[in-house]
Every structure is written in structure tokens, then in C-alpha cells.
Amino acid sequence: MTARCMVTTVWLVLAALLAVIPAAAADNAQERMTARVPAILKLKTAGVVGENNLGFLELRGSSREGADVVAAENQDRKAAYEVIARKTGASLEQVGKRMALKRVERAAAGEWVQMPDGRWTQK
């Protein structure tokens, strides 16, 4: 998957998530998440972070590089998942797992993803 395709995919995922967040919160979350896309792509390309099977970014290995970006992204993802869970009647964990499956499908070649069984693999 090319960087451009990955950015497009991230935008689509963000749009889907933020479509259900109240307007004021969505604007702020969307801006923050959009601003982080280049940093996240850089960390994924370097193999520093991967997408875990709960729908969140996770640091890989002992490096703390990007920990602040990962924490901020996961905070916004959790808020979005909570809104989706309330609207759909699903649990936060169910929403996260569904999003994780979508992220695995959309991951670029070479990115680390955690499979539903807990095994990490490079796509």
C-alpha cells in the first residue's frame, strides 16, 4: 500500500469514527488525529508501533520513541470508540476489536499488526 493510499485510508477511518462524535468534540479530535497522521505513518514505517487487536496503537520493542503520539492517538480513539459503543449498544472492547480488524485489512505492507489470536505479524 502506498503512502498516499494509506493516508486516504486513514482519512476514511477517521471520517467513519468522527461521524458519530458530537460536533465540537469531533472538530477537535479530527484536527488532532489528522495532525498526527504523518507522525504515525513514520512510526509504523520504522516498525516502532503497530496496530494491536483492540483497535489501538502499541509500541513495539523497548524504544519509547513516539510514546507521546501513541498515547494521544489512543486517547482520541478511545473517546471515539466510546461514542460508537453508546450509539450501537456494543461494548468498548467490541468496537475496538471491530476497528482492529479493519485496520489489519488496511495496513500497508511491512506494518506490524496484532492478529485476533494475539500473534504479531508484519503485513
C-alpha atoms as a PDB file:
ATOM      1  CA  MET A   1       0.000   0.000   0.000  1.00  0.00           C
ATOM      2  CA  THR A   2       1.460   3.362  -0.968  1.00  0.00           C
ATOM      3  CA  ALA A   3       1.794   6.231   1.487  1.00  0.00           C
ATOM      4  CA  ARG A   4      -0.879   8.134  -0.407  1.00  0.00           C
ATOM      5  CA  CYS A   5      -3.253   5.175  -0.249  1.00  0.00           C
ATOM      6  CA  MET A   6      -2.522   4.806   3.467  1.00  0.00           C
ATOM      7  CA  VAL A   7      -3.296   8.474   4.107  1.00  0.00           C
ATOM      8  CA  THR A   8      -6.563   8.089   2.181  1.00  0.00           C
ATOM      9  CA  THR A   9      -7.428   5.018   4.226  1.00  0.00           C
ATOM     10  CA  VAL A  10      -6.654   6.803   7.481  1.00  0.00           C
ATOM     11  CA  TRP A  11      -8.892   9.680   6.385  1.00  0.00           C
ATOM     12  CA  LEU A  12     -11.734   7.268   5.653  1.00  0.00           C
ATOM     13  CA  VAL A  13     -11.373   5.584   9.034  1.00  0.00           C
ATOM     14  CA  LEU A  14     -11.254   8.959  10.754  1.00  0.00           C
ATOM     15  CA  ALA A  15     -14.339  10.101   8.892  1.00  0.00           C
ATOM     16  CA  ALA A  16     -16.219   6.971   9.942  1.00  0.00           C
ATOM     17  CA  LEU A  17     -15.193   7.387  13.561  1.00  0.00           C
ATOM     18  CA  LEU A  18     -15.788  11.091  13.758  1.00  0.00           C
ATOM     19  CA  ALA A  19     -19.160  10.939  12.059  1.00  0.00           C
ATOM     20  CA  VAL A  20     -20.605   9.780  15.346  1.00  0.00           C
ATOM     21  CA  ILE A  21     -18.793  12.137  17.712  1.00  0.00           C
ATOM     22  CA  PRO A  22     -20.630  15.318  18.764  1.00  0.00           C
ATOM     23  CA  ALA A  23     -19.703  18.290  16.559  1.00  0.00           C
ATOM     24  CA  ALA A  24     -17.483  20.271  18.947  1.00  0.00           C
ATOM     25  CA  ALA A  25     -15.561  17.245  20.128  1.00  0.00           C
ATOM     26  CA  ALA A  26     -15.319  15.921  16.583  1.00  0.00           C
ATOM     27  CA  ASP A  27     -13.683  19.080  15.300  1.00  0.00           C
ATOM     28  CA  ASN A  28     -11.004  18.939  17.960  1.00  0.00           C
ATOM     29  CA  ALA A  29     -10.464  15.188  17.727  1.00  0.00           C
ATOM     30  CA  GLN A  30     -10.414  15.245  13.933  1.00  0.00           C
ATOM     31  CA  GLU A  31      -7.861  18.046  13.898  1.00  0.00           C
ATOM     32  CA  ARG A  32      -5.654  16.262  16.420  1.00  0.00           C
ATOM     33  CA  MET A  33      -5.896  12.891  14.679  1.00  0.00           C
ATOM     34  CA  THR A  34      -5.298  14.426  11.262  1.00  0.00           C
ATOM     35  CA  ALA A  35      -2.258  16.299  12.553  1.00  0.00           C
ATOM     36  CA  ARG A  36      -0.823  13.041  13.906  1.00  0.00           C
ATOM     37  CA  VAL A  37      -1.173  11.029  10.671  1.00  0.00           C
ATOM     38  CA  PRO A  38       2.314  11.822   9.321  1.00  0.00           C
ATOM     39  CA  ALA A  39       3.970  11.003  12.651  1.00  0.00           C
ATOM     40  CA  ILE A  40       2.034   7.741  12.973  1.00  0.00           C
ATOM     41  CA  LEU A  41       2.893   6.705   9.422  1.00  0.00           C
ATOM     42  CA  LYS A  42       6.565   7.415  10.126  1.00  0.00           C
ATOM     43  CA  LEU A  43       6.462   5.319  13.314  1.00  0.00           C
ATOM     44  CA  LYS A  44       4.667   2.458  11.546  1.00  0.00           C
ATOM     45  CA  THR A  45       7.105   2.518   8.637  1.00  0.00           C
ATOM     46  CA  ALA A  46      10.012   2.383  11.081  1.00  0.00           C
ATOM     47  CA  GLY A  47       8.396  -0.580  12.852  1.00  0.00           C
ATOM     48  CA  VAL A  48       8.253   1.322  16.133  1.00  0.00           C
ATOM     49  CA  VAL A  49       4.483   0.979  16.513  1.00  0.00           C
ATOM     50  CA  GLY A  50       1.820  -1.406  15.328  1.00  0.00           C
ATOM     51  CA  GLU A  51      -1.948  -1.774  15.464  1.00  0.00           C
ATOM     52  CA  ASN A  52      -2.999  -4.078  18.289  1.00  0.00           C
ATOM     53  CA  ASN A  53      -6.039  -6.349  18.248  1.00  0.00           C
ATOM     54  CA  LEU A  54      -8.042  -3.988  20.464  1.00  0.00           C
ATOM     55  CA  GLY A  55      -8.011  -1.123  17.973  1.00  0.00           C
ATOM     56  CA  PHE A  56      -5.180   0.893  19.473  1.00  0.00           C
ATOM     57  CA  LEU A  57      -1.611   1.731  18.575  1.00  0.00           C
ATOM     58  CA  GLU A  58       1.022  -0.129  20.544  1.00  0.00           C
ATOM     59  CA  LEU A  59       4.738   0.470  20.909  1.00  0.00           C
ATOM     60  CA  ARG A  60       6.856  -2.417  19.653  1.00  0.00           C
ATOM     61  CA  GLY A  61      10.069  -3.288  21.443  1.00  0.00           C
ATOM     62  CA  SER A  62      11.816  -1.300  24.133  1.00  0.00           C
ATOM     63  CA  SER A  63      12.029   2.043  22.317  1.00  0.00           C
ATOM     64  CA  ARG A  64       9.904   4.815  23.782  1.00  0.00           C
ATOM     65  CA  GLU A  65      10.110   6.779  20.514  1.00  0.00           C
ATOM     66  CA  GLY A  66       6.687   8.123  19.682  1.00  0.00           C
ATOM     67  CA  ALA A  67       5.153   7.257  23.055  1.00  0.00           C
ATOM     68  CA  ASP A  68       3.532  10.687  23.292  1.00  0.00           C
ATOM     69  CA  VAL A  69       1.996  10.334  19.815  1.00  0.00           C
ATOM     70  CA  VAL A  70       0.727   6.835  20.621  1.00  0.00           C
ATOM     71  CA  ALA A  71      -0.811   7.957  23.927  1.00  0.00           C
ATOM     72  CA  ALA A  72      -2.566  10.941  22.338  1.00  0.00           C
ATOM     73  CA  GLU A  73      -3.878   8.885  19.412  1.00  0.00           C
ATOM     74  CA  ASN A  74      -5.140   6.135  21.688  1.00  0.00           C
ATOM     75  CA  GLN A  75      -6.909   8.671  23.895  1.00  0.00           C
ATOM     76  CA  ASP A  76      -8.804  10.066  20.894  1.00  0.00           C
ATOM     77  CA  ARG A  77      -9.540   6.582  19.557  1.00  0.00           C
ATOM     78  CA  LYS A  78     -10.931   5.530  22.926  1.00  0.00           C
ATOM     79  CA  ALA A  79     -13.225   8.564  23.019  1.00  0.00           C
ATOM     80  CA  ALA A  80     -14.471   7.776  19.515  1.00  0.00           C
ATOM     81  CA  TYR A  81     -14.997   4.103  20.380  1.00  0.00           C
ATOM     82  CA  GLU A  82     -16.968   5.081  23.498  1.00  0.00           C
ATOM     83  CA  VAL A  83     -19.341   7.195  21.416  1.00  0.00           C
ATOM     84  CA  ILE A  84     -19.796   4.367  18.905  1.00  0.00           C
ATOM     85  CA  ALA A  85     -20.386   1.896  21.737  1.00  0.00           C
ATOM     86  CA  ARG A  86     -23.073   4.098  23.301  1.00  0.00           C
ATOM     87  CA  LYS A  87     -24.832   4.581  19.962  1.00  0.00           C
ATOM     88  CA  THR A  88     -24.716   0.912  18.941  1.00  0.00           C
ATOM     89  CA  GLY A  89     -25.137  -0.794  22.298  1.00  0.00           C
ATOM     90  CA  ALA A  90     -21.816  -2.598  21.831  1.00  0.00           C
ATOM     91  CA  SER A  91     -19.075  -2.660  24.423  1.00  0.00           C
ATOM     92  CA  LEU A  92     -15.942  -0.557  24.088  1.00  0.00           C
ATOM     93  CA  GLU A  93     -13.973  -3.774  23.605  1.00  0.00           C
ATOM     94  CA  GLN A  94     -16.285  -4.962  20.814  1.00  0.00           C
ATOM     95  CA  VAL A  95     -15.964  -1.654  18.969  1.00  0.00           C
ATOM     96  CA  GLY A  96     -12.188  -1.681  19.356  1.00  0.00           C
ATOM     97  CA  LYS A  97     -11.899  -5.232  18.082  1.00  0.00           C
ATOM     98  CA  ARG A  98     -14.041  -4.429  15.043  1.00  0.00           C
ATOM     99  CA  MET A  99     -11.876  -1.410  14.284  1.00  0.00           C
ATOM    100  CA  ALA A 100      -8.736  -3.516  14.765  1.00  0.00           C
ATOM    101  CA  LEU A 101      -9.918  -5.938  12.082  1.00  0.00           C
ATOM    102  CA  LYS A 102     -10.479  -3.043   9.684  1.00  0.00           C
ATOM    103  CA  ARG A 103      -7.032  -1.656  10.458  1.00  0.00           C
ATOM    104  CA  VAL A 104      -5.434  -5.048   9.755  1.00  0.00           C
ATOM    105  CA  GLU A 105      -7.154  -5.143   6.361  1.00  0.00           C
ATOM    106  CA  ARG A 106      -5.943  -1.640   5.528  1.00  0.00           C
ATOM    107  CA  ALA A 107      -2.418  -1.923   6.886  1.00  0.00           C
ATOM    108  CA  ALA A 108       0.405  -1.267   4.464  1.00  0.00           C
ATOM    109  CA  ALA A 109       2.967  -3.903   3.596  1.00  0.00           C
ATOM    110  CA  GLY A 110       5.601  -4.142   6.319  1.00  0.00           C
ATOM    111  CA  GLU A 111       3.435  -2.668   9.084  1.00  0.00           C
ATOM    112  CA  TRP A 112       3.060  -4.572  12.330  1.00  0.00           C
ATOM    113  CA  VAL A 113      -0.430  -5.774  13.232  1.00  0.00           C
ATOM    114  CA  GLN A 114      -1.680  -7.987  16.021  1.00  0.00           C
ATOM    115  CA  MET A 115      -3.981 -10.762  14.913  1.00  0.00           C
ATOM    116  CA  PRO A 116      -7.135 -11.654  16.893  1.00  0.00           C
ATOM    117  CA  ASP A 117      -5.276 -14.606  18.468  1.00  0.00           C
ATOM    118  CA  GLY A 118      -2.646 -12.193  19.901  1.00  0.00           C
ATOM    119  CA  ARG A 119       0.107 -13.061  17.432  1.00  0.00           C
ATOM    120  CA  TRP A 120       2.035 -10.115  15.968  1.00  0.00           C
ATOM    121  CA  THR A 121       2.910 -10.207  12.274  1.00  0.00           C
ATOM    122  CA  GLN A 122       4.186  -7.886   9.618  1.00  0.00           C
ATOM    123  CA  LYS A 123       1.716  -7.452   6.827  1.00  0.00           C
END
